Amino acid sequence: MADEYRVDLSALEDTVRKLNSILKDLGNAHSDSRYKTSLSQNALGADAAGATFLEARKLTNAHADMKGAIESIVGHLHDVMNTFGTKTKKVHGHYQNQEAETAANMSGS
């Protein structure tokens, strides 16, 4: 019976629990990257009367670009982990159903 295999349902359950924990952390990271990394327009310097502070504008723009990139990356990671978690839950359910069906067939129910 070399074609037989066994799925460790407790390992799948553990994986789902870990994924849910990661999703929670990613949710926190996503909201932190969105709401806790904002800078006011003048936080890195402001124009003076008759003078333009180009470096401050460049830094502010660079910060906004990086903030957007980080939000995008964290959002993508959240989506990937959510998809993986959903698929893992489905797989666990299918294997659990198959195991119950097999046990019922073996007991003659």
PDB file of N, CA and C in Angstrom:
ATOM      1  N   MET A   1       0.820  -1.183   0.000  1.00  0.00           N
ATOM      2  CA  MET A   1       0.000   0.000   0.000  1.00  0.00           C
ATOM      3  C   MET A   1       0.871   1.257   0.000  1.00  0.00           C
ATOM      4  N   ALA A   2       1.742   1.362  -0.944  1.00  0.00           N
ATOM      5  CA  ALA A   2       2.647   2.503  -1.028  1.00  0.00           C
ATOM      6  C   ALA A   2       1.912   3.778  -1.411  1.00  0.00           C
ATOM      7  N   ASP A   3       0.691   3.650  -1.938  1.00  0.00           N
ATOM      8  CA  ASP A   3      -0.059   4.819  -2.375  1.00  0.00           C
ATOM      9  C   ASP A   3      -0.788   5.517  -1.234  1.00  0.00           C
ATOM     10  N   GLU A   4      -0.758   4.947  -0.032  1.00  0.00           N
ATOM     11  CA  GLU A   4      -1.459   5.552   1.094  1.00  0.00           C
ATOM     12  C   GLU A   4      -0.678   6.737   1.650  1.00  0.00           C
ATOM     13  N   TYR A   5      -1.403   7.665   2.177  1.00  0.00           N
ATOM     14  CA  TYR A   5      -0.795   8.799   2.866  1.00  0.00           C
ATOM     15  C   TYR A   5      -1.726   9.230   3.975  1.00  0.00           C
ATOM     16  N   ARG A   6      -1.196   9.976   4.881  1.00  0.00           N
ATOM     17  CA  ARG A   6      -1.997  10.460   6.006  1.00  0.00           C
ATOM     18  C   ARG A   6      -1.714  11.949   6.176  1.00  0.00           C
ATOM     19  N   VAL A   7      -2.765  12.701   6.416  1.00  0.00           N
ATOM     20  CA  VAL A   7      -2.644  14.137   6.636  1.00  0.00           C
ATOM     21  C   VAL A   7      -2.781  14.400   8.130  1.00  0.00           C
ATOM     22  N   ASP A   8      -1.852  15.151   8.666  1.00  0.00           N
ATOM     23  CA  ASP A   8      -1.888  15.503  10.083  1.00  0.00           C
ATOM     24  C   ASP A   8      -2.794  16.723  10.251  1.00  0.00           C
ATOM     25  N   LEU A   9      -4.042  16.470  10.647  1.00  0.00           N
ATOM     26  CA  LEU A   9      -5.014  17.557  10.781  1.00  0.00           C
ATOM     27  C   LEU A   9      -4.622  18.540  11.874  1.00  0.00           C
ATOM     28  N   SER A  10      -3.974  18.059  12.920  1.00  0.00           N
ATOM     29  CA  SER A  10      -3.557  18.984  13.985  1.00  0.00           C
ATOM     30  C   SER A  10      -2.491  19.950  13.471  1.00  0.00           C
ATOM     31  N   ALA A  11      -1.638  19.484  12.557  1.00  0.00           N
ATOM     32  CA  ALA A  11      -0.640  20.386  11.966  1.00  0.00           C
ATOM     33  C   ALA A  11      -1.330  21.447  11.105  1.00  0.00           C
ATOM     34  N   LEU A  12      -2.372  21.044  10.379  1.00  0.00           N
ATOM     35  CA  LEU A  12      -3.121  22.023   9.588  1.00  0.00           C
ATOM     36  C   LEU A  12      -3.823  23.027  10.494  1.00  0.00           C
ATOM     37  N   GLU A  13      -4.407  22.543  11.597  1.00  0.00           N
ATOM     38  CA  GLU A  13      -5.053  23.447  12.553  1.00  0.00           C
ATOM     39  C   GLU A  13      -4.045  24.432  13.127  1.00  0.00           C
ATOM     40  N   ASP A  14      -2.858  23.929  13.439  1.00  0.00           N
ATOM     41  CA  ASP A  14      -1.799  24.791  13.970  1.00  0.00           C
ATOM     42  C   ASP A  14      -1.400  25.842  12.936  1.00  0.00           C
ATOM     43  N   THR A  15      -1.331  25.429  11.680  1.00  0.00           N
ATOM     44  CA  THR A  15      -1.000  26.369  10.601  1.00  0.00           C
ATOM     45  C   THR A  15      -2.058  27.462  10.497  1.00  0.00           C
ATOM     46  N   VAL A  16      -3.320  27.082  10.581  1.00  0.00           N
ATOM     47  CA  VAL A  16      -4.407  28.066  10.510  1.00  0.00           C
ATOM     48  C   VAL A  16      -4.309  29.045  11.677  1.00  0.00           C
ATOM     49  N   ARG A  17      -4.043  28.534  12.881  1.00  0.00           N
ATOM     50  CA  ARG A  17      -3.896  29.416  14.053  1.00  0.00           C
ATOM     51  C   ARG A  17      -2.737  30.395  13.856  1.00  0.00           C
ATOM     52  N   LYS A  18      -1.622  29.889  13.357  1.00  0.00           N
ATOM     53  CA  LYS A  18      -0.460  30.764  13.132  1.00  0.00           C
ATOM     54  C   LYS A  18      -0.760  31.809  12.059  1.00  0.00           C
ATOM     55  N   LEU A  19      -1.448  31.396  11.006  1.00  0.00           N
ATOM     56  CA  LEU A  19      -1.811  32.349   9.948  1.00  0.00           C
ATOM     57  C   LEU A  19      -2.742  33.426  10.482  1.00  0.00           C
ATOM     58  N   ASN A  20      -3.687  33.044  11.322  1.00  0.00           N
ATOM     59  CA  ASN A  20      -4.584  34.042  11.910  1.00  0.00           C
ATOM     60  C   ASN A  20      -3.810  35.037  12.764  1.00  0.00           C
ATOM     61  N   SER A  21      -2.808  34.557  13.478  1.00  0.00           N
ATOM     62  CA  SER A  21      -1.969  35.447  14.288  1.00  0.00           C
ATOM     63  C   SER A  21      -1.186  36.409  13.395  1.00  0.00           C
ATOM     64  N   ILE A  22      -0.649  35.879  12.307  1.00  0.00           N
ATOM     65  CA  ILE A  22       0.095  36.724  11.361  1.00  0.00           C
ATOM     66  C   ILE A  22      -0.835  37.762  10.747  1.00  0.00           C
ATOM     67  N   LEU A  23      -2.046  37.341  10.381  1.00  0.00           N
ATOM     68  CA  LEU A  23      -3.012  38.280   9.804  1.00  0.00           C
ATOM     69  C   LEU A  23      -3.345  39.401  10.774  1.00  0.00           C
ATOM     70  N   LYS A  24      -3.486  39.057  12.045  1.00  0.00           N
ATOM     71  CA  LYS A  24      -3.765  40.081  13.057  1.00  0.00           C
ATOM     72  C   LYS A  24      -2.609  41.080  13.115  1.00  0.00           C
ATOM     73  N   ASP A  25      -1.382  40.553  13.144  1.00  0.00           N
ATOM     74  CA  ASP A  25      -0.214  41.432  13.183  1.00  0.00           C
ATOM     75  C   ASP A  25      -0.114  42.282  11.922  1.00  0.00           C
ATOM     76  N   LEU A  26      -0.405  41.681  10.773  1.00  0.00           N
ATOM     77  CA  LEU A  26      -0.363  42.441   9.522  1.00  0.00           C
ATOM     78  C   LEU A  26      -1.445  43.513   9.495  1.00  0.00           C
ATOM     79  N   GLY A  27      -2.594  43.212  10.078  1.00  0.00           N
ATOM     80  CA  GLY A  27      -3.649  44.224  10.166  1.00  0.00           C
ATOM     81  C   GLY A  27      -3.185  45.415  10.973  1.00  0.00           C
ATOM     82  N   ASN A  28      -2.492  45.129  12.082  1.00  0.00           N
ATOM     83  CA  ASN A  28      -1.934  46.213  12.897  1.00  0.00           C
ATOM     84  C   ASN A  28      -0.874  46.980  12.118  1.00  0.00           C
ATOM     85  N   ALA A  29      -0.009  46.250  11.418  1.00  0.00           N
ATOM     86  CA  ALA A  29       1.047  46.907  10.637  1.00  0.00           C
ATOM     87  C   ALA A  29       0.444  47.757   9.524  1.00  0.00           C
ATOM     88  N   HIS A  30      -0.624  47.253   8.918  1.00  0.00           N
ATOM     89  CA  HIS A  30      -1.254  48.002   7.831  1.00  0.00           C
ATOM     90  C   HIS A  30      -1.849  49.305   8.347  1.00  0.00           C
ATOM     91  N   SER A  31      -2.551  49.245   9.471  1.00  0.00           N
ATOM     92  CA  SER A  31      -3.123  50.489  10.002  1.00  0.00           C
ATOM     93  C   SER A  31      -2.026  51.409  10.531  1.00  0.00           C
ATOM     94  N   ASP A  32      -0.973  50.837  11.124  1.00  0.00           N
ATOM     95  CA  ASP A  32       0.146  51.668  11.589  1.00  0.00           C
ATOM     96  C   ASP A  32       0.825  52.371  10.420  1.00  0.00           C
ATOM     97  N   SER A  33       1.067  51.631   9.330  1.00  0.00           N
ATOM     98  CA  SER A  33       1.739  52.245   8.180  1.00  0.00           C
ATOM     99  C   SER A  33       0.869  53.322   7.549  1.00  0.00           C
ATOM    100  N   ARG A  34      -0.414  53.172   7.667  1.00  0.00           N
ATOM    101  CA  ARG A  34      -1.325  54.153   7.074  1.00  0.00           C
ATOM    102  C   ARG A  34      -1.511  55.382   7.961  1.00  0.00           C
ATOM    103  N   TYR A  35      -1.697  55.161   9.262  1.00  0.00           N
ATOM    104  CA  TYR A  35      -2.115  56.265  10.130  1.00  0.00           C
ATOM    105  C   TYR A  35      -1.044  56.767  11.101  1.00  0.00           C
ATOM    106  N   LYS A  36      -0.004  55.993  11.329  1.00  0.00           N
ATOM    107  CA  LYS A  36       0.987  56.412  12.323  1.00  0.00           C
ATOM    108  C   LYS A  36       2.302  56.869  11.707  1.00  0.00           C
ATOM    109  N   THR A  37       2.355  56.990  10.404  1.00  0.00           N
ATOM    110  CA  THR A  37       3.588  57.429   9.750  1.00  0.00           C
ATOM    111  C   THR A  37       3.395  58.710   8.948  1.00  0.00           C
ATOM    112  N   SER A  38       2.326  59.404   9.218  1.00  0.00           N
ATOM    113  CA  SER A  38       2.053  60.639   8.484  1.00  0.00           C
ATOM    114  C   SER A  38       2.873  61.793   9.048  1.00  0.00           C
ATOM    115  N   LEU A  39       3.291  62.651   8.159  1.00  0.00           N
ATOM    116  CA  LEU A  39       4.004  63.871   8.544  1.00  0.00           C
ATOM    117  C   LEU A  39       3.244  65.067   7.988  1.00  0.00           C
ATOM    118  N   SER A  40       3.259  66.140   8.730  1.00  0.00           N
ATOM    119  CA  SER A  40       2.666  67.367   8.200  1.00  0.00           C
ATOM    120  C   SER A  40       3.560  67.890   7.076  1.00  0.00           C
ATOM    121  N   GLN A  41       3.018  68.749   6.262  1.00  0.00           N
ATOM    122  CA  GLN A  41       3.774  69.284   5.128  1.00  0.00           C
ATOM    123  C   GLN A  41       5.053  69.996   5.565  1.00  0.00           C
ATOM    124  N   ASN A  42       5.046  70.592   6.751  1.00  0.00           N
ATOM    125  CA  ASN A  42       6.204  71.364   7.205  1.00  0.00           C
ATOM    126  C   ASN A  42       7.060  70.618   8.225  1.00  0.00           C
ATOM    127  N   ALA A  43       6.802  69.344   8.443  1.00  0.00           N
ATOM    128  CA  ALA A  43       7.533  68.586   9.467  1.00  0.00           C
ATOM    129  C   ALA A  43       9.031  68.504   9.170  1.00  0.00           C
ATOM    130  N   LEU A  44       9.397  68.482   7.913  1.00  0.00           N
ATOM    131  CA  LEU A  44      10.806  68.351   7.540  1.00  0.00           C
ATOM    132  C   LEU A  44      11.417  69.677   7.103  1.00  0.00           C
ATOM    133  N   GLY A  45      10.682  70.742   7.306  1.00  0.00           N
ATOM    134  CA  GLY A  45      11.168  72.072   6.947  1.00  0.00           C
ATOM    135  C   GLY A  45      10.127  72.803   6.129  1.00  0.00           C
ATOM    136  N   ALA A  46      10.204  74.112   6.147  1.00  0.00           N
ATOM    137  CA  ALA A  46       9.214  74.924   5.438  1.00  0.00           C
ATOM    138  C   ALA A  46       9.914  76.016   4.643  1.00  0.00           C
ATOM    139  N   ASP A  47       9.207  76.482   3.640  1.00  0.00           N
ATOM    140  CA  ASP A  47       9.715  77.607   2.858  1.00  0.00           C
ATOM    141  C   ASP A  47       9.740  78.853   3.737  1.00  0.00           C
ATOM    142  N   ALA A  48      10.707  79.701   3.478  1.00  0.00           N
ATOM    143  CA  ALA A  48      10.783  80.992   4.169  1.00  0.00           C
ATOM    144  C   ALA A  48      10.265  82.058   3.210  1.00  0.00           C
ATOM    145  N   ALA A  49      10.046  83.228   3.728  1.00  0.00           N
ATOM    146  CA  ALA A  49       9.546  84.324   2.896  1.00  0.00           C
ATOM    147  C   ALA A  49      10.492  84.549   1.723  1.00  0.00           C
ATOM    148  N   GLY A  50       9.986  84.331   0.536  1.00  0.00           N
ATOM    149  CA  GLY A  50      10.772  84.577  -0.665  1.00  0.00           C
ATOM    150  C   GLY A  50      11.779  83.491  -1.000  1.00  0.00           C
ATOM    151  N   ALA A  51      11.838  82.413  -0.230  1.00  0.00           N
ATOM    152  CA  ALA A  51      12.802  81.345  -0.494  1.00  0.00           C
ATOM    153  C   ALA A  51      12.082  79.994  -0.466  1.00  0.00           C
ATOM    154  N   THR A  52      12.503  79.142  -1.358  1.00  0.00           N
ATOM    155  CA  THR A  52      11.927  77.805  -1.425  1.00  0.00           C
ATOM    156  C   THR A  52      12.926  76.815  -0.841  1.00  0.00           C
ATOM    157  N   PHE A  53      12.466  76.009   0.099  1.00  0.00           N
ATOM    158  CA  PHE A  53      13.312  75.008   0.747  1.00  0.00           C
ATOM    159  C   PHE A  53      13.143  73.701  -0.040  1.00  0.00           C
ATOM    160  N   LEU A  54      13.923  73.582  -1.124  1.00  0.00           N
ATOM    161  CA  LEU A  54      13.782  72.450  -2.033  1.00  0.00           C
ATOM    162  C   LEU A  54      14.059  71.112  -1.355  1.00  0.00           C
ATOM    163  N   GLU A  55      15.066  71.075  -0.489  1.00  0.00           N
ATOM    164  CA  GLU A  55      15.416  69.821   0.182  1.00  0.00           C
ATOM    165  C   GLU A  55      14.258  69.308   1.039  1.00  0.00           C
ATOM    166  N   ALA A  56      13.587  70.225   1.732  1.00  0.00           N
ATOM    167  CA  ALA A  56      12.447  69.832   2.564  1.00  0.00           C
ATOM    168  C   ALA A  56      11.323  69.276   1.696  1.00  0.00           C
ATOM    169  N   ARG A  57      11.086  69.901   0.565  1.00  0.00           N
ATOM    170  CA  ARG A  57      10.045  69.406  -0.343  1.00  0.00           C
ATOM    171  C   ARG A  57      10.410  68.017  -0.878  1.00  0.00           C
ATOM    172  N   LYS A  58      11.686  67.840  -1.235  1.00  0.00           N
ATOM    173  CA  LYS A  58      12.129  66.529  -1.726  1.00  0.00           C
ATOM    174  C   LYS A  58      11.981  65.461  -0.647  1.00  0.00           C
ATOM    175  N   LEU A  59      12.359  65.790   0.585  1.00  0.00           N
ATOM    176  CA  LEU A  59      12.220  64.838   1.689  1.00  0.00           C
ATOM    177  C   LEU A  59      10.755  64.502   1.954  1.00  0.00           C
ATOM    178  N   THR A  60       9.909  65.515   1.923  1.00  0.00           N
ATOM    179  CA  THR A  60       8.478  65.292   2.149  1.00  0.00           C
ATOM    180  C   THR A  60       7.897  64.402   1.056  1.00  0.00           C
ATOM    181  N   ASN A  61       8.271  64.658  -0.191  1.00  0.00           N
ATOM    182  CA  ASN A  61       7.796  63.828  -1.302  1.00  0.00           C
ATOM    183  C   ASN A  61       8.346  62.406  -1.212  1.00  0.00           C
ATOM    184  N   ALA A  62       9.620  62.284  -0.845  1.00  0.00           N
ATOM    185  CA  ALA A  62      10.221  60.954  -0.691  1.00  0.00           C
ATOM    186  C   ALA A  62       9.524  60.183   0.427  1.00  0.00           C
ATOM    187  N   HIS A  63       9.214  60.874   1.511  1.00  0.00           N
ATOM    188  CA  HIS A  63       8.499  60.233   2.615  1.00  0.00           C
ATOM    189  C   HIS A  63       7.124  59.743   2.152  1.00  0.00           C
ATOM    190  N   ALA A  64       6.414  60.581   1.426  1.00  0.00           N
ATOM    191  CA  ALA A  64       5.082  60.201   0.936  1.00  0.00           C
ATOM    192  C   ALA A  64       5.172  58.996  -0.002  1.00  0.00           C
ATOM    193  N   ASP A  65       6.181  58.993  -0.874  1.00  0.00           N
ATOM    194  CA  ASP A  65       6.371  57.860  -1.787  1.00  0.00           C
ATOM    195  C   ASP A  65       6.664  56.574  -1.013  1.00  0.00           C
ATOM    196  N   MET A  66       7.563  56.646  -0.038  1.00  0.00           N
ATOM    197  CA  MET A  66       7.925  55.470   0.749  1.00  0.00           C
ATOM    198  C   MET A  66       6.742  54.992   1.581  1.00  0.00           C
ATOM    199  N   LYS A  67       6.001  55.924   2.134  1.00  0.00           N
ATOM    200  CA  LYS A  67       4.811  55.579   2.922  1.00  0.00           C
ATOM    201  C   LYS A  67       3.825  54.807   2.051  1.00  0.00           C
ATOM    202  N   GLY A  68       3.600  55.281   0.847  1.00  0.00           N
ATOM    203  CA  GLY A  68       2.699  54.591  -0.080  1.00  0.00           C
ATOM    204  C   GLY A  68       3.209  53.207  -0.453  1.00  0.00           C
ATOM    205  N   ALA A  69       4.515  53.095  -0.677  1.00  0.00           N
ATOM    206  CA  ALA A  69       5.099  51.797  -1.026  1.00  0.00           C
ATOM    207  C   ALA A  69       4.955  50.808   0.127  1.00  0.00           C
ATOM    208  N   ILE A  70       5.219  51.263   1.336  1.00  0.00           N
ATOM    209  CA  ILE A  70       5.095  50.383   2.505  1.00  0.00           C
ATOM    210  C   ILE A  70       3.642  49.950   2.693  1.00  0.00           C
ATOM    211  N   GLU A  71       2.709  50.875   2.556  1.00  0.00           N
ATOM    212  CA  GLU A  71       1.287  50.529   2.662  1.00  0.00           C
ATOM    213  C   GLU A  71       0.912  49.474   1.627  1.00  0.00           C
ATOM    214  N   SER A  72       1.419  49.639   0.417  1.00  0.00           N
ATOM    215  CA  SER A  72       1.122  48.698  -0.654  1.00  0.00           C
ATOM    216  C   SER A  72       1.701  47.312  -0.356  1.00  0.00           C
ATOM    217  N   ILE A  73       2.940  47.273   0.112  1.00  0.00           N
ATOM    218  CA  ILE A  73       3.594  45.999   0.425  1.00  0.00           C
ATOM    219  C   ILE A  73       2.862  45.283   1.556  1.00  0.00           C
ATOM    220  N   VAL A  74       2.562  46.002   2.620  1.00  0.00           N
ATOM    221  CA  VAL A  74       1.875  45.388   3.762  1.00  0.00           C
ATOM    222  C   VAL A  74       0.476  44.925   3.341  1.00  0.00           C
ATOM    223  N   GLY A  75      -0.204  45.707   2.531  1.00  0.00           N
ATOM    224  CA  GLY A  75      -1.519  45.303   2.032  1.00  0.00           C
ATOM    225  C   GLY A  75      -1.441  44.037   1.192  1.00  0.00           C
ATOM    226  N   HIS A  76      -0.420  43.954   0.342  1.00  0.00           N
ATOM    227  CA  HIS A  76      -0.228  42.759  -0.485  1.00  0.00           C
ATOM    228  C   HIS A  76       0.060  41.540   0.386  1.00  0.00           C
ATOM    229  N   LEU A  77       0.939  41.700   1.372  1.00  0.00           N
ATOM    230  CA  LEU A  77       1.233  40.594   2.288  1.00  0.00           C
ATOM    231  C   LEU A  77      -0.032  40.135   3.010  1.00  0.00           C
ATOM    232  N   HIS A  78      -0.842  41.087   3.435  1.00  0.00           N
ATOM    233  CA  HIS A  78      -2.100  40.752   4.110  1.00  0.00           C
ATOM    234  C   HIS A  78      -3.000  39.939   3.179  1.00  0.00           C
ATOM    235  N   ASP A  79      -3.120  40.363   1.934  1.00  0.00           N
ATOM    236  CA  ASP A  79      -3.956  39.644   0.969  1.00  0.00           C
ATOM    237  C   ASP A  79      -3.435  38.228   0.720  1.00  0.00           C
ATOM    238  N   VAL A  80      -2.119  38.094   0.562  1.00  0.00           N
ATOM    239  CA  VAL A  80      -1.520  36.775   0.321  1.00  0.00           C
ATOM    240  C   VAL A  80      -1.761  35.854   1.511  1.00  0.00           C
ATOM    241  N   MET A  81      -1.516  36.351   2.714  1.00  0.00           N
ATOM    242  CA  MET A  81      -1.702  35.529   3.909  1.00  0.00           C
ATOM    243  C   MET A  81      -3.175  35.186   4.104  1.00  0.00           C
ATOM    244  N   ASN A  82      -4.062  36.110   3.801  1.00  0.00           N
ATOM    245  CA  ASN A  82      -5.493  35.845   3.918  1.00  0.00           C
ATOM    246  C   ASN A  82      -5.918  34.756   2.937  1.00  0.00           C
ATOM    247  N   THR A  83      -5.442  34.837   1.706  1.00  0.00           N
ATOM    248  CA  THR A  83      -5.750  33.821   0.702  1.00  0.00           C
ATOM    249  C   THR A  83      -5.205  32.463   1.126  1.00  0.00           C
ATOM    250  N   PHE A  84      -3.954  32.438   1.580  1.00  0.00           N
ATOM    251  CA  PHE A  84      -3.336  31.187   2.016  1.00  0.00           C
ATOM    252  C   PHE A  84      -4.096  30.609   3.206  1.00  0.00           C
ATOM    253  N   GLY A  85      -4.495  31.469   4.135  1.00  0.00           N
ATOM    254  CA  GLY A  85      -5.250  31.013   5.304  1.00  0.00           C
ATOM    255  C   GLY A  85      -6.597  30.433   4.919  1.00  0.00           C
ATOM    256  N   THR A  86      -7.289  31.091   4.001  1.00  0.00           N
ATOM    257  CA  THR A  86      -8.588  30.606   3.537  1.00  0.00           C
ATOM    258  C   THR A  86      -8.441  29.249   2.865  1.00  0.00           C
ATOM    259  N   LYS A  87      -7.437  29.110   2.022  1.00  0.00           N
ATOM    260  CA  LYS A  87      -7.218  27.833   1.335  1.00  0.00           C
ATOM    261  C   LYS A  87      -6.828  26.740   2.322  1.00  0.00           C
ATOM    262  N   THR A  88      -6.024  27.086   3.316  1.00  0.00           N
ATOM    263  CA  THR A  88      -5.621  26.101   4.320  1.00  0.00           C
ATOM    264  C   THR A  88      -6.830  25.628   5.118  1.00  0.00           C
ATOM    265  N   LYS A  89      -7.723  26.551   5.468  1.00  0.00           N
ATOM    266  CA  LYS A  89      -8.947  26.173   6.185  1.00  0.00           C
ATOM    267  C   LYS A  89      -9.806  25.237   5.340  1.00  0.00           C
ATOM    268  N   LYS A  90      -9.919  25.530   4.050  1.00  0.00           N
ATOM    269  CA  LYS A  90     -10.709  24.678   3.158  1.00  0.00           C
ATOM    270  C   LYS A  90     -10.096  23.285   3.066  1.00  0.00           C
ATOM    271  N   VAL A  91      -8.784  23.227   2.899  1.00  0.00           N
ATOM    272  CA  VAL A  91      -8.097  21.933   2.814  1.00  0.00           C
ATOM    273  C   VAL A  91      -8.318  21.146   4.095  1.00  0.00           C
ATOM    274  N   HIS A  92      -8.182  21.810   5.235  1.00  0.00           N
ATOM    275  CA  HIS A  92      -8.401  21.145   6.519  1.00  0.00           C
ATOM    276  C   HIS A  92      -9.820  20.579   6.578  1.00  0.00           C
ATOM    277  N   GLY A  93     -10.797  21.366   6.172  1.00  0.00           N
ATOM    278  CA  GLY A  93     -12.187  20.905   6.178  1.00  0.00           C
ATOM    279  C   GLY A  93     -12.409  19.707   5.274  1.00  0.00           C
ATOM    280  N   HIS A  94     -11.810  19.742   4.073  1.00  0.00           N
ATOM    281  CA  HIS A  94     -11.960  18.621   3.143  1.00  0.00           C
ATOM    282  C   HIS A  94     -11.344  17.347   3.715  1.00  0.00           C
ATOM    283  N   TYR A  95     -10.137  17.466   4.260  1.00  0.00           N
ATOM    284  CA  TYR A  95      -9.492  16.285   4.845  1.00  0.00           C
ATOM    285  C   TYR A  95     -10.270  15.777   6.056  1.00  0.00           C
ATOM    286  N   GLN A  96     -10.782  16.683   6.850  1.00  0.00           N
ATOM    287  CA  GLN A  96     -11.553  16.284   8.028  1.00  0.00           C
ATOM    288  C   GLN A  96     -12.828  15.544   7.601  1.00  0.00           C
ATOM    289  N   ASN A  97     -13.501  16.054   6.583  1.00  0.00           N
ATOM    290  CA  ASN A  97     -14.697  15.386   6.067  1.00  0.00           C
ATOM    291  C   ASN A  97     -14.363  14.010   5.499  1.00  0.00           C
ATOM    292  N   GLN A  98     -13.259  13.935   4.767  1.00  0.00           N
ATOM    293  CA  GLN A  98     -12.846  12.657   4.182  1.00  0.00           C
ATOM    294  C   GLN A  98     -12.510  11.652   5.271  1.00  0.00           C
ATOM    295  N   GLU A  99     -11.845  12.113   6.312  1.00  0.00           N
ATOM    296  CA  GLU A  99     -11.493  11.227   7.418  1.00  0.00           C
ATOM    297  C   GLU A  99     -12.749  10.708   8.117  1.00  0.00           C
ATOM    298  N   ALA A 100     -13.728  11.578   8.332  1.00  0.00           N
ATOM    299  CA  ALA A 100     -14.982  11.166   8.965  1.00  0.00           C
ATOM    300  C   ALA A 100     -15.740  10.182   8.077  1.00  0.00           C
ATOM    301  N   GLU A 101     -15.751  10.442   6.780  1.00  0.00           N
ATOM    302  CA  GLU A 101     -16.426   9.549   5.837  1.00  0.00           C
ATOM    303  C   GLU A 101     -15.757   8.179   5.808  1.00  0.00           C
ATOM    304  N   THR A 102     -14.441   8.165   5.802  1.00  0.00           N
ATOM    305  CA  THR A 102     -13.697   6.905   5.806  1.00  0.00           C
ATOM    306  C   THR A 102     -13.965   6.127   7.090  1.00  0.00           C
ATOM    307  N   ALA A 103     -13.957   6.817   8.218  1.00  0.00           N
ATOM    308  CA  ALA A 103     -14.228   6.154   9.497  1.00  0.00           C
ATOM    309  C   ALA A 103     -15.643   5.585   9.515  1.00  0.00           C
ATOM    310  N   ALA A 104     -16.604   6.323   8.970  1.00  0.00           N
ATOM    311  CA  ALA A 104     -17.984   5.842   8.922  1.00  0.00           C
ATOM    312  C   ALA A 104     -18.101   4.623   8.016  1.00  0.00           C
ATOM    313  N   ASN A 105     -17.406   4.629   6.890  1.00  0.00           N
ATOM    314  CA  ASN A 105     -17.442   3.494   5.967  1.00  0.00           C
ATOM    315  C   ASN A 105     -16.814   2.255   6.588  1.00  0.00           C
ATOM    316  N   MET A 106     -15.754   2.455   7.347  1.00  0.00           N
ATOM    317  CA  MET A 106     -15.068   1.319   7.963  1.00  0.00           C
ATOM    318  C   MET A 106     -15.894   0.719   9.099  1.00  0.00           C
ATOM    319  N   SER A 107     -16.694   1.537   9.765  1.00  0.00           N
ATOM    320  CA  SER A 107     -17.508   1.024  10.864  1.00  0.00           C
ATOM    321  C   SER A 107     -18.849   0.490  10.368  1.00  0.00           C
ATOM    322  N   GLY A 108     -19.094   0.635   9.076  1.00  0.00           N
ATOM    323  CA  GLY A 108     -20.312   0.103   8.485  1.00  0.00           C
ATOM    324  C   GLY A 108     -21.524   0.982   8.653  1.00  0.00           C
ATOM    325  N   SER A 109     -21.331   2.238   8.972  1.00  0.00           N
ATOM    326  CA  SER A 109     -22.466   3.148   9.179  1.00  0.00           C
ATOM    327  C   SER A 109     -23.008   3.647   7.874  1.00  0.00           C
TER     328      SER A 109
END
